[in-house]
Every structure is written in C-alpha cells, then in structure tokens.
PDB file of N, CA and C in Angstrom:
ATOM      1  N   MET A   1       0.846  -1.172   0.000  1.00  0.00           N
ATOM      2  CA  MET A   1       0.000   0.000   0.000  1.00  0.00           C
ATOM      3  C   MET A   1       0.896   1.243   0.000  1.00  0.00           C
ATOM      4  N   SER A   2       0.606   2.163  -0.868  1.00  0.00           N
ATOM      5  CA  SER A   2       1.377   3.404  -0.962  1.00  0.00           C
ATOM      6  C   SER A   2       0.615   4.536  -0.286  1.00  0.00           C
ATOM      7  N   LYS A   3       1.315   5.281   0.538  1.00  0.00           N
ATOM      8  CA  LYS A   3       0.713   6.431   1.201  1.00  0.00           C
ATOM      9  C   LYS A   3       1.293   7.691   0.600  1.00  0.00           C
ATOM     10  N   LYS A   4       0.481   8.735   0.533  1.00  0.00           N
ATOM     11  CA  LYS A   4       0.922  10.004  -0.028  1.00  0.00           C
ATOM     12  C   LYS A   4       0.657  11.091   0.984  1.00  0.00           C
ATOM     13  N   GLY A   5       1.576  12.003   1.066  1.00  0.00           N
ATOM     14  CA  GLY A   5       1.420  13.123   1.966  1.00  0.00           C
ATOM     15  C   GLY A   5       2.233  14.294   1.470  1.00  0.00           C
ATOM     16  N   VAL A   6       2.054  15.413   2.115  1.00  0.00           N
ATOM     17  CA  VAL A   6       2.797  16.619   1.782  1.00  0.00           C
ATOM     18  C   VAL A   6       3.506  17.079   3.048  1.00  0.00           C
ATOM     19  N   LEU A   7       4.792  17.352   2.915  1.00  0.00           N
ATOM     20  CA  LEU A   7       5.562  17.890   4.023  1.00  0.00           C
ATOM     21  C   LEU A   7       5.646  19.395   3.865  1.00  0.00           C
ATOM     22  N   LEU A   8       5.162  20.125   4.856  1.00  0.00           N
ATOM     23  CA  LEU A   8       5.292  21.589   4.894  1.00  0.00           C
ATOM     24  C   LEU A   8       6.454  21.906   5.811  1.00  0.00           C
ATOM     25  N   THR A   9       7.378  22.729   5.341  1.00  0.00           N
ATOM     26  CA  THR A   9       8.555  23.022   6.151  1.00  0.00           C
ATOM     27  C   THR A   9       9.080  24.430   5.906  1.00  0.00           C
ATOM     28  N   GLU A  10       9.790  24.930   6.896  1.00  0.00           N
ATOM     29  CA  GLU A  10      10.537  26.182   6.773  1.00  0.00           C
ATOM     30  C   GLU A  10      12.040  25.879   6.815  1.00  0.00           C
ATOM     31  N   ASP A  11      12.397  24.609   6.822  1.00  0.00           N
ATOM     32  CA  ASP A  11      13.772  24.146   6.976  1.00  0.00           C
ATOM     33  C   ASP A  11      14.418  23.904   5.611  1.00  0.00           C
ATOM     34  N   LYS A  12      15.467  24.670   5.285  1.00  0.00           N
ATOM     35  CA  LYS A  12      16.161  24.562   3.996  1.00  0.00           C
ATOM     36  C   LYS A  12      16.802  23.190   3.793  1.00  0.00           C
ATOM     37  N   ASP A  13      17.084  22.476   4.864  1.00  0.00           N
ATOM     38  CA  ASP A  13      17.754  21.182   4.758  1.00  0.00           C
ATOM     39  C   ASP A  13      16.944  20.156   3.974  1.00  0.00           C
ATOM     40  N   PHE A  14      15.649  20.303   3.913  1.00  0.00           N
ATOM     41  CA  PHE A  14      14.834  19.355   3.153  1.00  0.00           C
ATOM     42  C   PHE A  14      15.112  19.466   1.661  1.00  0.00           C
ATOM     43  N   GLY A  15      15.447  20.661   1.180  1.00  0.00           N
ATOM     44  CA  GLY A  15      15.833  20.824  -0.221  1.00  0.00           C
ATOM     45  C   GLY A  15      17.082  20.031  -0.529  1.00  0.00           C
ATOM     46  N   GLU A  16      18.067  20.116   0.338  1.00  0.00           N
ATOM     47  CA  GLU A  16      19.298  19.343   0.142  1.00  0.00           C
ATOM     48  C   GLU A  16      19.002  17.854   0.187  1.00  0.00           C
ATOM     49  N   LEU A  17      18.200  17.435   1.128  1.00  0.00           N
ATOM     50  CA  LEU A  17      17.860  16.020   1.257  1.00  0.00           C
ATOM     51  C   LEU A  17      17.211  15.492  -0.017  1.00  0.00           C
ATOM     52  N   VAL A  18      16.279  16.240  -0.560  1.00  0.00           N
ATOM     53  CA  VAL A  18      15.550  15.800  -1.750  1.00  0.00           C
ATOM     54  C   VAL A  18      16.415  15.860  -2.998  1.00  0.00           C
ATOM     55  N   PHE A  19      17.101  16.978  -3.225  1.00  0.00           N
ATOM     56  CA  PHE A  19      17.827  17.170  -4.482  1.00  0.00           C
ATOM     57  C   PHE A  19      19.223  16.555  -4.479  1.00  0.00           C
ATOM     58  N   ALA A  20      20.003  16.785  -3.460  1.00  0.00           N
ATOM     59  CA  ALA A  20      21.381  16.293  -3.440  1.00  0.00           C
ATOM     60  C   ALA A  20      21.456  14.781  -3.225  1.00  0.00           C
ATOM     61  N   HIS A  21      20.492  14.250  -2.503  1.00  0.00           N
ATOM     62  CA  HIS A  21      20.524  12.829  -2.192  1.00  0.00           C
ATOM     63  C   HIS A  21      19.535  12.009  -3.017  1.00  0.00           C
ATOM     64  N   GLY A  22      18.850  12.658  -3.940  1.00  0.00           N
ATOM     65  CA  GLY A  22      17.962  11.952  -4.861  1.00  0.00           C
ATOM     66  C   GLY A  22      16.773  11.268  -4.216  1.00  0.00           C
ATOM     67  N   ILE A  23      16.258  11.832  -3.159  1.00  0.00           N
ATOM     68  CA  ILE A  23      15.082  11.265  -2.498  1.00  0.00           C
ATOM     69  C   ILE A  23      13.882  11.414  -3.432  1.00  0.00           C
ATOM     70  N   ILE A  24      13.144  10.337  -3.621  1.00  0.00           N
ATOM     71  CA  ILE A  24      11.963  10.385  -4.486  1.00  0.00           C
ATOM     72  C   ILE A  24      10.739   9.939  -3.686  1.00  0.00           C
ATOM     73  N   GLY A  25       9.591  10.113  -4.288  1.00  0.00           N
ATOM     74  CA  GLY A  25       8.353   9.689  -3.654  1.00  0.00           C
ATOM     75  C   GLY A  25       7.871  10.635  -2.571  1.00  0.00           C
ATOM     76  N   VAL A  26       8.220  11.910  -2.711  1.00  0.00           N
ATOM     77  CA  VAL A  26       7.823  12.887  -1.701  1.00  0.00           C
ATOM     78  C   VAL A  26       7.194  14.105  -2.358  1.00  0.00           C
ATOM     79  N   ALA A  27       6.443  14.814  -1.576  1.00  0.00           N
ATOM     80  CA  ALA A  27       5.915  16.115  -1.979  1.00  0.00           C
ATOM     81  C   ALA A  27       6.268  17.074  -0.848  1.00  0.00           C
ATOM     82  N   VAL A  28       7.095  18.062  -1.163  1.00  0.00           N
ATOM     83  CA  VAL A  28       7.573  18.996  -0.150  1.00  0.00           C
ATOM     84  C   VAL A  28       7.160  20.408  -0.532  1.00  0.00           C
ATOM     85  N   VAL A  29       6.637  21.154   0.426  1.00  0.00           N
ATOM     86  CA  VAL A  29       6.333  22.574   0.241  1.00  0.00           C
ATOM     87  C   VAL A  29       7.213  23.336   1.220  1.00  0.00           C
ATOM     88  N   PHE A  30       8.152  24.094   0.664  1.00  0.00           N
ATOM     89  CA  PHE A  30       9.107  24.871   1.451  1.00  0.00           C
ATOM     90  C   PHE A  30       8.601  26.303   1.526  1.00  0.00           C
ATOM     91  N   LEU A  31       8.363  26.774   2.735  1.00  0.00           N
ATOM     92  CA  LEU A  31       7.822  28.110   2.952  1.00  0.00           C
ATOM     93  C   LEU A  31       8.942  29.059   3.359  1.00  0.00           C
ATOM     94  N   ARG A  32       9.097  30.137   2.600  1.00  0.00           N
ATOM     95  CA  ARG A  32      10.097  31.171   2.914  1.00  0.00           C
ATOM     96  C   ARG A  32       9.361  32.488   3.057  1.00  0.00           C
ATOM     97  N   PHE A  33       9.300  33.001   4.279  1.00  0.00           N
ATOM     98  CA  PHE A  33       8.545  34.220   4.504  1.00  0.00           C
ATOM     99  C   PHE A  33       8.941  34.861   5.820  1.00  0.00           C
ATOM    100  N   HIS A  34       8.549  36.099   5.967  1.00  0.00           N
ATOM    101  CA  HIS A  34       8.674  36.811   7.236  1.00  0.00           C
ATOM    102  C   HIS A  34       7.322  36.746   7.928  1.00  0.00           C
ATOM    103  N   LYS A  35       7.331  36.845   9.219  1.00  0.00           N
ATOM    104  CA  LYS A  35       6.077  36.764   9.992  1.00  0.00           C
ATOM    105  C   LYS A  35       5.013  37.741   9.487  1.00  0.00           C
ATOM    106  N   THR A  36       5.417  38.901   9.004  1.00  0.00           N
ATOM    107  CA  THR A  36       4.457  39.893   8.529  1.00  0.00           C
ATOM    108  C   THR A  36       3.790  39.471   7.222  1.00  0.00           C
ATOM    109  N   GLU A  37       4.323  38.468   6.553  1.00  0.00           N
ATOM    110  CA  GLU A  37       3.792  38.012   5.263  1.00  0.00           C
ATOM    111  C   GLU A  37       2.898  36.782   5.391  1.00  0.00           C
ATOM    112  N   ILE A  38       2.559  36.392   6.578  1.00  0.00           N
ATOM    113  CA  ILE A  38       1.860  35.126   6.811  1.00  0.00           C
ATOM    114  C   ILE A  38       0.537  35.016   6.056  1.00  0.00           C
ATOM    115  N   GLU A  39      -0.234  36.073   5.951  1.00  0.00           N
ATOM    116  CA  GLU A  39      -1.516  35.981   5.256  1.00  0.00           C
ATOM    117  C   GLU A  39      -1.325  35.680   3.770  1.00  0.00           C
ATOM    118  N   GLU A  40      -0.344  36.301   3.131  1.00  0.00           N
ATOM    119  CA  GLU A  40      -0.063  36.030   1.717  1.00  0.00           C
ATOM    120  C   GLU A  40       0.443  34.598   1.541  1.00  0.00           C
ATOM    121  N   ILE A  41       1.280  34.142   2.437  1.00  0.00           N
ATOM    122  CA  ILE A  41       1.791  32.771   2.361  1.00  0.00           C
ATOM    123  C   ILE A  41       0.649  31.777   2.528  1.00  0.00           C
ATOM    124  N   GLN A  42      -0.249  32.017   3.444  1.00  0.00           N
ATOM    125  CA  GLN A  42      -1.401  31.125   3.639  1.00  0.00           C
ATOM    126  C   GLN A  42      -2.250  31.067   2.375  1.00  0.00           C
ATOM    127  N   ARG A  43      -2.466  32.203   1.740  1.00  0.00           N
ATOM    128  CA  ARG A  43      -3.252  32.239   0.505  1.00  0.00           C
ATOM    129  C   ARG A  43      -2.562  31.420  -0.581  1.00  0.00           C
ATOM    130  N   ARG A  44      -1.268  31.621  -0.745  1.00  0.00           N
ATOM    131  CA  ARG A  44      -0.507  30.878  -1.763  1.00  0.00           C
ATOM    132  C   ARG A  44      -0.489  29.383  -1.462  1.00  0.00           C
ATOM    133  N   LEU A  45      -0.353  29.029  -0.199  1.00  0.00           N
ATOM    134  CA  LEU A  45      -0.332  27.622   0.187  1.00  0.00           C
ATOM    135  C   LEU A  45      -1.644  26.938  -0.150  1.00  0.00           C
ATOM    136  N   LEU A  46      -2.742  27.582   0.110  1.00  0.00           N
ATOM    137  CA  LEU A  46      -4.047  27.012  -0.224  1.00  0.00           C
ATOM    138  C   LEU A  46      -4.168  26.767  -1.725  1.00  0.00           C
ATOM    139  N   VAL A  47      -3.711  27.701  -2.532  1.00  0.00           N
ATOM    140  CA  VAL A  47      -3.739  27.537  -3.994  1.00  0.00           C
ATOM    141  C   VAL A  47      -2.868  26.361  -4.407  1.00  0.00           C
ATOM    142  N   VAL A  48      -1.667  26.284  -3.863  1.00  0.00           N
ATOM    143  CA  VAL A  48      -0.748  25.202  -4.215  1.00  0.00           C
ATOM    144  C   VAL A  48      -1.347  23.841  -3.863  1.00  0.00           C
ATOM    145  N   LEU A  49      -1.862  23.700  -2.671  1.00  0.00           N
ATOM    146  CA  LEU A  49      -2.418  22.410  -2.263  1.00  0.00           C
ATOM    147  C   LEU A  49      -3.658  22.047  -3.069  1.00  0.00           C
ATOM    148  N   THR A  50      -4.444  23.024  -3.420  1.00  0.00           N
ATOM    149  CA  THR A  50      -5.638  22.771  -4.223  1.00  0.00           C
ATOM    150  C   THR A  50      -5.271  22.373  -5.652  1.00  0.00           C
ATOM    151  N   ASP A  51      -4.266  23.029  -6.226  1.00  0.00           N
ATOM    152  CA  ASP A  51      -3.890  22.791  -7.618  1.00  0.00           C
ATOM    153  C   ASP A  51      -2.997  21.571  -7.825  1.00  0.00           C
ATOM    154  N   TYR A  52      -2.051  21.316  -6.932  1.00  0.00           N
ATOM    155  CA  TYR A  52      -1.042  20.299  -7.183  1.00  0.00           C
ATOM    156  C   TYR A  52      -1.208  19.004  -6.413  1.00  0.00           C
ATOM    157  N   TYR A  53      -1.648  19.068  -5.191  1.00  0.00           N
ATOM    158  CA  TYR A  53      -1.713  17.853  -4.375  1.00  0.00           C
ATOM    159  C   TYR A  53      -2.632  16.776  -4.953  1.00  0.00           C
ATOM    160  N   PRO A  54      -3.802  17.100  -5.452  1.00  0.00           N
ATOM    161  CA  PRO A  54      -4.679  16.045  -5.974  1.00  0.00           C
ATOM    162  C   PRO A  54      -4.115  15.305  -7.195  1.00  0.00           C
ATOM    163  N   LYS A  55      -3.103  15.852  -7.844  1.00  0.00           N
ATOM    164  CA  LYS A  55      -2.552  15.230  -9.052  1.00  0.00           C
ATOM    165  C   LYS A  55      -1.654  14.033  -8.747  1.00  0.00           C
ATOM    166  N   LYS A  56      -1.363  13.798  -7.489  1.00  0.00           N
ATOM    167  CA  LYS A  56      -0.559  12.668  -7.044  1.00  0.00           C
ATOM    168  C   LYS A  56       0.833  12.645  -7.663  1.00  0.00           C
ATOM    169  N   GLU A  57       1.364  13.805  -7.944  1.00  0.00           N
ATOM    170  CA  GLU A  57       2.724  13.902  -8.453  1.00  0.00           C
ATOM    171  C   GLU A  57       3.661  14.209  -7.294  1.00  0.00           C
ATOM    172  N   ASN A  58       4.915  13.900  -7.497  1.00  0.00           N
ATOM    173  CA  ASN A  58       5.931  14.247  -6.510  1.00  0.00           C
ATOM    174  C   ASN A  58       6.521  15.584  -6.909  1.00  0.00           C
ATOM    175  N   PHE A  59       6.628  16.481  -5.955  1.00  0.00           N
ATOM    176  CA  PHE A  59       7.099  17.815  -6.273  1.00  0.00           C
ATOM    177  C   PHE A  59       7.802  18.445  -5.090  1.00  0.00           C
ATOM    178  N   PHE A  60       8.573  19.467  -5.391  1.00  0.00           N
ATOM    179  CA  PHE A  60       9.173  20.342  -4.385  1.00  0.00           C
ATOM    180  C   PHE A  60       8.744  21.743  -4.772  1.00  0.00           C
ATOM    181  N   ILE A  61       8.008  22.388  -3.906  1.00  0.00           N
ATOM    182  CA  ILE A  61       7.504  23.732  -4.186  1.00  0.00           C
ATOM    183  C   ILE A  61       8.084  24.695  -3.166  1.00  0.00           C
ATOM    184  N   THR A  62       8.600  25.801  -3.661  1.00  0.00           N
ATOM    185  CA  THR A  62       9.059  26.877  -2.792  1.00  0.00           C
ATOM    186  C   THR A  62       8.068  28.025  -2.915  1.00  0.00           C
ATOM    187  N   ILE A  63       7.548  28.465  -1.778  1.00  0.00           N
ATOM    188  CA  ILE A  63       6.601  29.573  -1.761  1.00  0.00           C
ATOM    189  C   ILE A  63       7.258  30.746  -1.032  1.00  0.00           C
ATOM    190  N   THR A  64       7.343  31.877  -1.714  1.00  0.00           N
ATOM    191  CA  THR A  64       7.812  33.112  -1.094  1.00  0.00           C
ATOM    192  C   THR A  64       6.689  34.136  -1.221  1.00  0.00           C
ATOM    193  N   ASN A  65       6.904  35.310  -0.688  1.00  0.00           N
ATOM    194  CA  ASN A  65       5.892  36.354  -0.773  1.00  0.00           C
ATOM    195  C   ASN A  65       5.654  36.786  -2.219  1.00  0.00           C
ATOM    196  N   SER A  66       6.676  36.707  -3.049  1.00  0.00           N
ATOM    197  CA  SER A  66       6.544  37.226  -4.412  1.00  0.00           C
ATOM    198  C   SER A  66       6.344  36.171  -5.493  1.00  0.00           C
ATOM    199  N   LYS A  67       6.619  34.882  -5.186  1.00  0.00           N
ATOM    200  CA  LYS A  67       6.464  33.866  -6.233  1.00  0.00           C
ATOM    201  C   LYS A  67       6.301  32.481  -5.645  1.00  0.00           C
ATOM    202  N   THR A  68       5.866  31.580  -6.501  1.00  0.00           N
ATOM    203  CA  THR A  68       5.764  30.174  -6.177  1.00  0.00           C
ATOM    204  C   THR A  68       6.513  29.411  -7.271  1.00  0.00           C
ATOM    205  N   ARG A  69       7.480  28.578  -6.877  1.00  0.00           N
ATOM    206  CA  ARG A  69       8.279  27.829  -7.842  1.00  0.00           C
ATOM    207  C   ARG A  69       8.070  26.335  -7.629  1.00  0.00           C
ATOM    208  N   LEU A  70       7.662  25.625  -8.676  1.00  0.00           N
ATOM    209  CA  LEU A  70       7.398  24.188  -8.614  1.00  0.00           C
ATOM    210  C   LEU A  70       8.474  23.446  -9.375  1.00  0.00           C
ATOM    211  N   THR A  71       9.017  22.406  -8.748  1.00  0.00           N
ATOM    212  CA  THR A  71       9.943  21.496  -9.401  1.00  0.00           C
ATOM    213  C   THR A  71       9.380  20.095  -9.255  1.00  0.00           C
ATOM    214  N   LYS A  72       9.093  19.429 -10.368  1.00  0.00           N
ATOM    215  CA  LYS A  72       8.606  18.056 -10.299  1.00  0.00           C
ATOM    216  C   LYS A  72       9.783  17.134  -9.993  1.00  0.00           C
ATOM    217  N   LEU A  73       9.540  16.148  -9.173  1.00  0.00           N
ATOM    218  CA  LEU A  73      10.587  15.191  -8.793  1.00  0.00           C
ATOM    219  C   LEU A  73      10.396  13.876  -9.524  1.00  0.00           C
TER     220      LEU A  73
END
C-alpha cells in the first residue's frame, strides 16, 4: 500500500535532502517568509495544495511572498 502526503517546512535542509541525495516519492512545500507576510503565504499555500496535491505527483515547491516555484521530482 502506498501512502501520499505533503511535508510543509521552513527548513532549507529538506531541499538538500531531496535534491542532493535523490530522495523520491515525496511532496515537499518549502515556505520562505517573514512573519508579517503570513496571510499572503497562507493564501498561496491554499492555492498550491488545491492545484497540485490532488494530481498525485511528486514535487518540491518553494513559496515566497513574491512567487511560487514548482519542481517536479
């Protein structure tokens, strides 16, 4: 049985773990923001989870206040 989930993190080390070590079968959302930007980040996160998570693809997404960058794994 395969389980799917999304890891939400503010820790840059997950990018290294996924890309440098070739970890597959994961969906990671890396949040980069300042506390004052939390409402914009929440809005972007909801869009990302609504648009990408149901597709059952593996991805690494970086969300900042000004952009959202998706990398398929």
